[in-house]
């Protein structure tokens, strides 16, 4: 696994925000990375 430096974290946060998977309204346990298209969560 690669180290998550501040630039990489910022990029991934931007992707999650633009996809709408980490918007504060979506139920998630992993900052949107467990959300798939349609709003369902991956278990």
C-alpha atoms as a PDB file:
ATOM      1  CA  UNK A   1       0.000   0.000   0.000  1.00  0.00           C
ATOM      2  CA  UNK A   2       1.289   3.438  -0.852  1.00  0.00           C
ATOM      3  CA  UNK A   3       1.729   6.165   1.713  1.00  0.00           C
ATOM      4  CA  UNK A   4      -1.122   8.663   1.704  1.00  0.00           C
ATOM      5  CA  UNK A   5       0.630  12.031   1.621  1.00  0.00           C
ATOM      6  CA  UNK A   6      -1.287  15.303   1.856  1.00  0.00           C
ATOM      7  CA  UNK A   7      -1.454  15.841  -1.923  1.00  0.00           C
ATOM      8  CA  UNK A   8      -2.767  12.335  -2.592  1.00  0.00           C
ATOM      9  CA  UNK A   9      -5.320  12.663   0.229  1.00  0.00           C
ATOM     10  CA  UNK A  10      -6.491  16.016  -1.162  1.00  0.00           C
ATOM     11  CA  UNK A  11      -6.888  14.505  -4.627  1.00  0.00           C
ATOM     12  CA  UNK A  12      -8.907  11.535  -3.333  1.00  0.00           C
ATOM     13  CA  UNK A  13     -11.077  13.853  -1.221  1.00  0.00           C
ATOM     14  CA  UNK A  14     -11.778  15.964  -4.320  1.00  0.00           C
ATOM     15  CA  UNK A  15     -12.761  12.851  -6.299  1.00  0.00           C
ATOM     16  CA  UNK A  16     -15.093  11.641  -3.526  1.00  0.00           C
ATOM     17  CA  UNK A  17     -16.696  15.081  -3.248  1.00  0.00           C
ATOM     18  CA  UNK A  18     -17.165  15.458  -7.023  1.00  0.00           C
ATOM     19  CA  UNK A  19     -18.690  11.969  -7.289  1.00  0.00           C
ATOM     20  CA  UNK A  20     -21.102  12.866  -4.511  1.00  0.00           C
ATOM     21  CA  UNK A  21     -20.131   9.869  -2.385  1.00  0.00           C
ATOM     22  CA  UNK A  22     -18.758  11.868   0.570  1.00  0.00           C
ATOM     23  CA  UNK A  23     -21.236  14.717   0.903  1.00  0.00           C
ATOM     24  CA  UNK A  24     -22.247  14.473   4.560  1.00  0.00           C
ATOM     25  CA  UNK A  25     -25.740  13.226   3.667  1.00  0.00           C
ATOM     26  CA  UNK A  26     -24.762   9.794   2.348  1.00  0.00           C
ATOM     27  CA  UNK A  27     -24.553   6.954   4.862  1.00  0.00           C
ATOM     28  CA  UNK A  28     -20.926   5.802   4.806  1.00  0.00           C
ATOM     29  CA  UNK A  29     -18.416   4.181   7.117  1.00  0.00           C
ATOM     30  CA  UNK A  30     -15.363   5.006   4.988  1.00  0.00           C
ATOM     31  CA  UNK A  31     -15.705   8.621   3.786  1.00  0.00           C
ATOM     32  CA  UNK A  32     -17.637   7.612   0.662  1.00  0.00           C
ATOM     33  CA  UNK A  33     -15.282   4.879  -0.502  1.00  0.00           C
ATOM     34  CA  UNK A  34     -17.844   2.219   0.447  1.00  0.00           C
ATOM     35  CA  UNK A  35     -20.621   3.827  -1.653  1.00  0.00           C
ATOM     36  CA  UNK A  36     -21.465   2.611  -5.154  1.00  0.00           C
ATOM     37  CA  UNK A  37     -23.525   4.181  -7.937  1.00  0.00           C
ATOM     38  CA  UNK A  38     -27.107   4.610  -6.785  1.00  0.00           C
ATOM     39  CA  UNK A  39     -26.190   5.298  -3.168  1.00  0.00           C
ATOM     40  CA  UNK A  40     -25.949   1.725  -1.892  1.00  0.00           C
ATOM     41  CA  UNK A  41     -23.094   0.890   0.456  1.00  0.00           C
ATOM     42  CA  UNK A  42     -20.621  -1.949  -0.026  1.00  0.00           C
ATOM     43  CA  UNK A  43     -20.388  -4.269   2.972  1.00  0.00           C
END
